[in-house]
Amino acid sequence: MPKIAASQKDKFYEGRRADLAAAAVRLWAEKGFDGTSVATIAEAAGVAKGTFYLYFASKQALLEDVLRRYTLLPNILSMVEEMADSSLEQAVHAFVRASWTHLNQHRDLVLLALRELPSHLAQAQEAIERVLVPTNRLLAQYLEQRLGPQRAQELSLIVAGRGLIGMIIMVFISQEILGAQRFLPVEEDKIISTIAQVFLHGVLGNEAGQSC
């Protein structure tokens, strides 16, 4: 490790961990967790193999850091705050677009999740607890505020929110990762609008039907 000022050590340390995490995501998405050695990750990050262990005790520890560091969903809390004055329809469209853009910008992470989470159940459960559950809860709370208590009693807003998240992720994976776009091409704006409209009509029930 090069000599650095004491005041900069924490920043340098975190920066090096971030570099290793970013390199690992790229390589694991391409070759898989088991198919990528510590030496390969270290080389891609521009450090020696021995230096790797100054930042992570093992490759498994790096995987756990990656799953804590990255997320497949945008920051829903900041979005809810920003769209406090928006209509429900505007807010849902904005959430779908932001989520789609976020997934597009983190394709390697999507591939990593598809490759590794099914065989790393403890880490998958941690990712669900850390990312999906808080986002799901905030979406449900937001929907209850906008739809009112009567509609909230008629259906599970937890399930409604998770359904929206699921639609976005599964359509993105099938369309952009698994190649459906080549055979069934759809413009991105149309995909986003359709997901939002399908969700809104289901949540709003008769009110949506009367507006058609």
C-alpha atoms as a PDB file:
ATOM      1  CA  MET A   1       0.000   0.000   0.000  1.00  0.00           C
ATOM      2  CA  PRO A   2       1.472   3.433  -0.900  1.00  0.00           C
ATOM      3  CA  LYS A   3       2.149   5.907   1.879  1.00  0.00           C
ATOM      4  CA  ILE A   4      -0.755   8.286   2.375  1.00  0.00           C
ATOM      5  CA  ALA A   5      -1.596  10.993   4.881  1.00  0.00           C
ATOM      6  CA  ALA A   6      -3.396   9.770   7.994  1.00  0.00           C
ATOM      7  CA  SER A   7      -6.339  12.057   7.213  1.00  0.00           C
ATOM      8  CA  GLN A   8      -6.806  10.346   3.846  1.00  0.00           C
ATOM      9  CA  LYS A   9      -6.487   6.736   4.979  1.00  0.00           C
ATOM     10  CA  ASP A  10     -10.197   6.054   5.420  1.00  0.00           C
ATOM     11  CA  LYS A  11     -11.006   7.559   2.028  1.00  0.00           C
ATOM     12  CA  PHE A  12      -8.224   5.579   0.349  1.00  0.00           C
ATOM     13  CA  TYR A  13      -9.277   2.357   2.078  1.00  0.00           C
ATOM     14  CA  GLU A  14     -12.912   2.741   1.037  1.00  0.00           C
ATOM     15  CA  GLY A  15     -11.888   3.719  -2.489  1.00  0.00           C
ATOM     16  CA  ARG A  16      -9.796   0.580  -2.863  1.00  0.00           C
ATOM     17  CA  ARG A  17     -12.644  -1.598  -1.526  1.00  0.00           C
ATOM     18  CA  ALA A  18     -14.996   0.058  -4.015  1.00  0.00           C
ATOM     19  CA  ASP A  19     -12.555  -0.639  -6.868  1.00  0.00           C
ATOM     20  CA  LEU A  20     -12.355  -4.307  -5.913  1.00  0.00           C
ATOM     21  CA  ALA A  21     -16.141  -4.544  -5.623  1.00  0.00           C
ATOM     22  CA  ALA A  22     -16.661  -2.952  -9.049  1.00  0.00           C
ATOM     23  CA  ALA A  23     -14.109  -5.287 -10.653  1.00  0.00           C
ATOM     24  CA  ALA A  24     -15.736  -8.295  -8.986  1.00  0.00           C
ATOM     25  CA  VAL A  25     -19.208  -7.401 -10.256  1.00  0.00           C
ATOM     26  CA  ARG A  26     -17.936  -7.170 -13.847  1.00  0.00           C
ATOM     27  CA  LEU A  27     -16.045 -10.448 -13.651  1.00  0.00           C
ATOM     28  CA  TRP A  28     -18.683 -12.415 -11.760  1.00  0.00           C
ATOM     29  CA  ALA A  29     -21.340 -11.312 -14.235  1.00  0.00           C
ATOM     30  CA  GLU A  30     -19.152 -12.693 -17.031  1.00  0.00           C
ATOM     31  CA  LYS A  31     -17.530 -15.774 -15.475  1.00  0.00           C
ATOM     32  CA  GLY A  32     -19.495 -16.477 -12.318  1.00  0.00           C
ATOM     33  CA  PHE A  33     -18.400 -16.405  -8.690  1.00  0.00           C
ATOM     34  CA  ASP A  34     -16.739 -19.823  -8.682  1.00  0.00           C
ATOM     35  CA  GLY A  35     -15.101 -19.217 -12.066  1.00  0.00           C
ATOM     36  CA  THR A  36     -13.297 -16.063 -10.964  1.00  0.00           C
ATOM     37  CA  SER A  37     -10.212 -16.218  -8.781  1.00  0.00           C
ATOM     38  CA  VAL A  38      -9.070 -13.669  -6.227  1.00  0.00           C
ATOM     39  CA  ALA A  39      -5.983 -13.090  -8.380  1.00  0.00           C
ATOM     40  CA  THR A  40      -8.156 -12.205 -11.387  1.00  0.00           C
ATOM     41  CA  ILE A  41     -10.230  -9.748  -9.357  1.00  0.00           C
ATOM     42  CA  ALA A  42      -7.103  -8.156  -7.894  1.00  0.00           C
ATOM     43  CA  GLU A  43      -5.515  -7.797 -11.330  1.00  0.00           C
ATOM     44  CA  ALA A  44      -8.671  -6.201 -12.764  1.00  0.00           C
ATOM     45  CA  ALA A  45      -8.672  -3.713  -9.863  1.00  0.00           C
ATOM     46  CA  GLY A  46      -4.998  -2.920 -10.376  1.00  0.00           C
ATOM     47  CA  VAL A  47      -3.625  -4.447  -7.170  1.00  0.00           C
ATOM     48  CA  ALA A  48      -1.581  -7.487  -6.235  1.00  0.00           C
ATOM     49  CA  LYS A  49      -3.281 -10.662  -5.006  1.00  0.00           C
ATOM     50  CA  GLY A  50      -1.768 -10.219  -1.553  1.00  0.00           C
ATOM     51  CA  THR A  51      -3.105  -6.663  -1.388  1.00  0.00           C
ATOM     52  CA  PHE A  52      -6.635  -8.000  -1.883  1.00  0.00           C
ATOM     53  CA  TYR A  53      -6.520  -9.548   1.591  1.00  0.00           C
ATOM     54  CA  LEU A  54      -5.797  -6.193   3.179  1.00  0.00           C
ATOM     55  CA  TYR A  55      -9.349  -5.210   2.217  1.00  0.00           C
ATOM     56  CA  PHE A  56     -11.322  -8.464   2.260  1.00  0.00           C
ATOM     57  CA  ALA A  57     -10.735 -11.640   4.242  1.00  0.00           C
ATOM     58  CA  SER A  58     -11.993 -13.809   1.380  1.00  0.00           C
ATOM     59  CA  LYS A  59     -13.858 -13.832  -1.897  1.00  0.00           C
ATOM     60  CA  GLN A  60     -17.015 -14.650   0.050  1.00  0.00           C
ATOM     61  CA  ALA A  61     -16.511 -11.515   2.161  1.00  0.00           C
ATOM     62  CA  LEU A  62     -16.218  -9.503  -1.051  1.00  0.00           C
ATOM     63  CA  LEU A  63     -19.488 -10.996  -2.340  1.00  0.00           C
ATOM     64  CA  GLU A  64     -21.227  -9.998   0.887  1.00  0.00           C
ATOM     65  CA  ASP A  65     -19.851  -6.468   0.506  1.00  0.00           C
ATOM     66  CA  VAL A  66     -21.043  -6.281  -3.108  1.00  0.00           C
ATOM     67  CA  LEU A  67     -24.558  -7.301  -2.120  1.00  0.00           C
ATOM     68  CA  ARG A  68     -24.601  -4.638   0.589  1.00  0.00           C
ATOM     69  CA  ARG A  69     -22.991  -1.995  -1.609  1.00  0.00           C
ATOM     70  CA  TYR A  70     -25.169  -2.280  -4.692  1.00  0.00           C
ATOM     71  CA  THR A  71     -28.906  -2.402  -5.230  1.00  0.00           C
ATOM     72  CA  LEU A  72     -31.169  -3.259  -8.166  1.00  0.00           C
ATOM     73  CA  LEU A  73     -33.649  -0.547  -7.194  1.00  0.00           C
ATOM     74  CA  PRO A  74     -33.410   3.251  -7.057  1.00  0.00           C
ATOM     75  CA  ASN A  75     -33.703   5.211  -3.808  1.00  0.00           C
ATOM     76  CA  ILE A  76     -37.453   5.057  -3.275  1.00  0.00           C
ATOM     77  CA  LEU A  77     -37.378   7.295  -0.183  1.00  0.00           C
ATOM     78  CA  SER A  78     -35.920  10.253  -2.070  1.00  0.00           C
ATOM     79  CA  MET A  79     -38.353   9.632  -4.946  1.00  0.00           C
ATOM     80  CA  VAL A  80     -41.373   9.672  -2.628  1.00  0.00           C
ATOM     81  CA  GLU A  81     -40.192  12.954  -1.141  1.00  0.00           C
ATOM     82  CA  GLU A  82     -39.586  14.500  -4.562  1.00  0.00           C
ATOM     83  CA  MET A  83     -43.005  13.468  -5.884  1.00  0.00           C
ATOM     84  CA  ALA A  84     -45.104  14.508  -2.914  1.00  0.00           C
ATOM     85  CA  ASP A  85     -47.080  16.918  -5.108  1.00  0.00           C
ATOM     86  CA  SER A  86     -47.360  14.602  -8.122  1.00  0.00           C
ATOM     87  CA  SER A  87     -50.436  12.592  -9.007  1.00  0.00           C
ATOM     88  CA  LEU A  88     -50.344   8.842  -8.356  1.00  0.00           C
ATOM     89  CA  GLU A  89     -50.131   8.189 -12.088  1.00  0.00           C
ATOM     90  CA  GLN A  90     -47.187  10.566 -12.478  1.00  0.00           C
ATOM     91  CA  ALA A  91     -45.443   9.041  -9.474  1.00  0.00           C
ATOM     92  CA  VAL A  92     -45.845   5.453 -10.714  1.00  0.00           C
ATOM     93  CA  HIS A  93     -44.603   6.361 -14.178  1.00  0.00           C
ATOM     94  CA  ALA A  94     -41.604   8.111 -12.627  1.00  0.00           C
ATOM     95  CA  PHE A  95     -40.820   5.107 -10.412  1.00  0.00           C
ATOM     96  CA  VAL A  96     -41.021   2.680 -13.321  1.00  0.00           C
ATOM     97  CA  ARG A  97     -38.779   4.879 -15.477  1.00  0.00           C
ATOM     98  CA  ALA A  98     -36.233   5.412 -12.700  1.00  0.00           C
ATOM     99  CA  SER A  99     -36.150   1.682 -11.936  1.00  0.00           C
ATOM    100  CA  TRP A 100     -35.751   0.742 -15.609  1.00  0.00           C
ATOM    101  CA  THR A 101     -32.933   3.273 -16.042  1.00  0.00           C
ATOM    102  CA  HIS A 102     -31.247   2.027 -12.867  1.00  0.00           C
ATOM    103  CA  LEU A 103     -31.375  -1.581 -14.074  1.00  0.00           C
ATOM    104  CA  ASN A 104     -30.024  -0.547 -17.474  1.00  0.00           C
ATOM    105  CA  GLN A 105     -27.098   1.191 -15.806  1.00  0.00           C
ATOM    106  CA  HIS A 106     -26.360  -1.854 -13.631  1.00  0.00           C
ATOM    107  CA  ARG A 107     -26.623  -4.725 -16.117  1.00  0.00           C
ATOM    108  CA  ASP A 108     -23.587  -6.454 -14.628  1.00  0.00           C
ATOM    109  CA  LEU A 109     -25.309  -6.475 -11.262  1.00  0.00           C
ATOM    110  CA  VAL A 110     -28.451  -7.980 -12.790  1.00  0.00           C
ATOM    111  CA  LEU A 111     -26.367 -10.737 -14.393  1.00  0.00           C
ATOM    112  CA  LEU A 112     -24.567 -11.310 -11.101  1.00  0.00           C
ATOM    113  CA  ALA A 113     -27.864 -11.640  -9.243  1.00  0.00           C
ATOM    114  CA  LEU A 114     -29.177 -14.122 -11.810  1.00  0.00           C
ATOM    115  CA  ARG A 115     -25.994 -16.172 -11.646  1.00  0.00           C
ATOM    116  CA  GLU A 116     -25.218 -16.203  -7.951  1.00  0.00           C
ATOM    117  CA  LEU A 117     -28.230 -15.529  -5.720  1.00  0.00           C
ATOM    118  CA  PRO A 118     -29.939 -18.894  -6.404  1.00  0.00           C
ATOM    119  CA  SER A 119     -26.840 -20.692  -5.073  1.00  0.00           C
ATOM    120  CA  HIS A 120     -26.131 -18.240  -2.242  1.00  0.00           C
ATOM    121  CA  LEU A 121     -29.418 -18.294  -0.352  1.00  0.00           C
ATOM    122  CA  ALA A 122     -28.126 -16.570   2.786  1.00  0.00           C
ATOM    123  CA  GLN A 123     -26.898 -13.637   0.717  1.00  0.00           C
ATOM    124  CA  ALA A 124     -30.133 -13.644  -1.301  1.00  0.00           C
ATOM    125  CA  GLN A 125     -32.158 -13.397   1.907  1.00  0.00           C
ATOM    126  CA  GLU A 126     -29.925 -10.570   3.125  1.00  0.00           C
ATOM    127  CA  ALA A 127     -30.401  -8.704  -0.166  1.00  0.00           C
ATOM    128  CA  ILE A 128     -34.177  -9.129   0.086  1.00  0.00           C
ATOM    129  CA  GLU A 129     -34.186  -7.904   3.686  1.00  0.00           C
ATOM    130  CA  ARG A 130     -31.905  -4.946   2.946  1.00  0.00           C
ATOM    131  CA  VAL A 131     -33.312  -3.820  -0.427  1.00  0.00           C
ATOM    132  CA  LEU A 132     -36.676  -5.332  -1.308  1.00  0.00           C
ATOM    133  CA  VAL A 133     -38.382  -5.172   2.097  1.00  0.00           C
ATOM    134  CA  PRO A 134     -37.716  -1.450   2.802  1.00  0.00           C
ATOM    135  CA  THR A 135     -38.649  -0.485  -0.768  1.00  0.00           C
ATOM    136  CA  ASN A 136     -41.768  -2.641  -0.615  1.00  0.00           C
ATOM    137  CA  ARG A 137     -42.792  -1.104   2.710  1.00  0.00           C
ATOM    138  CA  LEU A 138     -42.290   2.481   1.470  1.00  0.00           C
ATOM    139  CA  LEU A 139     -44.281   1.791  -1.694  1.00  0.00           C
ATOM    140  CA  ALA A 140     -47.126   0.331   0.360  1.00  0.00           C
ATOM    141  CA  GLN A 141     -47.139   3.337   2.692  1.00  0.00           C
ATOM    142  CA  TYR A 142     -47.124   5.719  -0.275  1.00  0.00           C
ATOM    143  CA  LEU A 143     -50.003   3.866  -1.951  1.00  0.00           C
ATOM    144  CA  GLU A 144     -52.055   3.943   1.244  1.00  0.00           C
ATOM    145  CA  GLN A 145     -51.554   7.701   1.529  1.00  0.00           C
ATOM    146  CA  ARG A 146     -52.698   8.210  -2.059  1.00  0.00           C
ATOM    147  CA  LEU A 147     -55.491   5.642  -2.249  1.00  0.00           C
ATOM    148  CA  GLY A 148     -56.930   6.004   1.240  1.00  0.00           C
ATOM    149  CA  PRO A 149     -57.768   3.499   3.991  1.00  0.00           C
ATOM    150  CA  GLN A 150     -60.813   1.979   2.271  1.00  0.00           C
ATOM    151  CA  ARG A 151     -58.839   0.836  -0.775  1.00  0.00           C
ATOM    152  CA  ALA A 152     -56.026  -0.279   1.529  1.00  0.00           C
ATOM    153  CA  GLN A 153     -58.478  -2.655   3.225  1.00  0.00           C
ATOM    154  CA  GLU A 154     -59.656  -4.091  -0.082  1.00  0.00           C
ATOM    155  CA  LEU A 155     -56.254  -5.433  -1.122  1.00  0.00           C
ATOM    156  CA  SER A 156     -52.726  -5.920   0.194  1.00  0.00           C
ATOM    157  CA  LEU A 157     -50.707  -2.864  -0.722  1.00  0.00           C
ATOM    158  CA  ILE A 158     -47.576  -4.812   0.230  1.00  0.00           C
ATOM    159  CA  VAL A 159     -48.396  -7.293  -2.528  1.00  0.00           C
ATOM    160  CA  ALA A 160     -49.372  -4.467  -4.895  1.00  0.00           C
ATOM    161  CA  GLY A 161     -46.034  -2.737  -4.360  1.00  0.00           C
ATOM    162  CA  ARG A 162     -44.104  -5.969  -4.736  1.00  0.00           C
ATOM    163  CA  GLY A 163     -46.068  -6.713  -7.886  1.00  0.00           C
ATOM    164  CA  LEU A 164     -44.903  -3.426  -9.381  1.00  0.00           C
ATOM    165  CA  ILE A 165     -41.281  -4.169  -8.454  1.00  0.00           C
ATOM    166  CA  GLY A 166     -41.617  -7.684  -9.846  1.00  0.00           C
ATOM    167  CA  MET A 167     -43.094  -6.507 -13.139  1.00  0.00           C
ATOM    168  CA  ILE A 168     -40.269  -4.060 -13.688  1.00  0.00           C
ATOM    169  CA  ILE A 169     -37.488  -6.518 -12.870  1.00  0.00           C
ATOM    170  CA  MET A 170     -38.930  -9.502 -14.744  1.00  0.00           C
ATOM    171  CA  VAL A 171     -39.797  -7.526 -17.878  1.00  0.00           C
ATOM    172  CA  PHE A 172     -36.320  -5.993 -17.862  1.00  0.00           C
ATOM    173  CA  ILE A 173     -34.629  -9.385 -17.472  1.00  0.00           C
ATOM    174  CA  SER A 174     -36.667 -11.035 -20.221  1.00  0.00           C
ATOM    175  CA  GLN A 175     -36.504  -8.089 -22.596  1.00  0.00           C
ATOM    176  CA  GLU A 176     -32.958  -6.802 -22.099  1.00  0.00           C
ATOM    177  CA  ILE A 177     -30.936  -9.646 -20.575  1.00  0.00           C
ATOM    178  CA  LEU A 178     -32.466 -12.814 -22.035  1.00  0.00           C
ATOM    179  CA  GLY A 179     -32.950 -11.349 -25.503  1.00  0.00           C
ATOM    180  CA  ALA A 180     -36.701 -10.975 -25.995  1.00  0.00           C
ATOM    181  CA  GLN A 181     -36.057  -7.516 -27.432  1.00  0.00           C
ATOM    182  CA  ARG A 182     -34.548  -9.145 -30.533  1.00  0.00           C
ATOM    183  CA  PHE A 183     -37.688 -11.167 -31.250  1.00  0.00           C
ATOM    184  CA  LEU A 184     -40.402  -8.940 -29.782  1.00  0.00           C
ATOM    185  CA  PRO A 185     -38.997  -5.413 -30.038  1.00  0.00           C
ATOM    186  CA  VAL A 186     -40.796  -2.753 -28.027  1.00  0.00           C
ATOM    187  CA  GLU A 187     -39.698   0.834 -27.540  1.00  0.00           C
ATOM    188  CA  GLU A 188     -38.475   1.619 -24.046  1.00  0.00           C
ATOM    189  CA  ASP A 189     -41.029   4.396 -23.519  1.00  0.00           C
ATOM    190  CA  LYS A 190     -43.830   1.998 -24.460  1.00  0.00           C
ATOM    191  CA  ILE A 191     -42.551  -0.651 -22.046  1.00  0.00           C
ATOM    192  CA  ILE A 192     -42.409   1.853 -19.179  1.00  0.00           C
ATOM    193  CA  SER A 193     -45.841   3.273 -19.953  1.00  0.00           C
ATOM    194  CA  THR A 194     -47.397  -0.183 -20.249  1.00  0.00           C
ATOM    195  CA  ILE A 195     -45.993  -1.435 -16.938  1.00  0.00           C
ATOM    196  CA  ALA A 196     -47.249   1.704 -15.200  1.00  0.00           C
ATOM    197  CA  GLN A 197     -50.706   1.497 -16.785  1.00  0.00           C
ATOM    198  CA  VAL A 198     -51.133  -2.213 -16.043  1.00  0.00           C
ATOM    199  CA  PHE A 199     -50.228  -1.561 -12.416  1.00  0.00           C
ATOM    200  CA  LEU A 200     -52.442   1.505 -12.076  1.00  0.00           C
ATOM    201  CA  HIS A 201     -55.515  -0.140 -13.528  1.00  0.00           C
ATOM    202  CA  GLY A 202     -55.120  -3.050 -11.159  1.00  0.00           C
ATOM    203  CA  VAL A 203     -54.647  -0.862  -8.075  1.00  0.00           C
ATOM    204  CA  LEU A 204     -57.283   1.740  -8.864  1.00  0.00           C
ATOM    205  CA  GLY A 205     -59.908  -0.845  -9.786  1.00  0.00           C
ATOM    206  CA  ASN A 206     -63.247   0.605 -10.870  1.00  0.00           C
ATOM    207  CA  GLU A 207     -61.938   4.159 -10.835  1.00  0.00           C
ATOM    208  CA  ALA A 208     -59.438   3.245 -13.550  1.00  0.00           C
ATOM    209  CA  GLY A 209     -62.090   1.434 -15.556  1.00  0.00           C
ATOM    210  CA  GLN A 210     -64.428   4.444 -15.479  1.00  0.00           C
ATOM    211  CA  SER A 211     -61.667   6.744 -16.780  1.00  0.00           C
ATOM    212  CA  CYS A 212     -60.991   4.596 -19.866  1.00  0.00           C
END
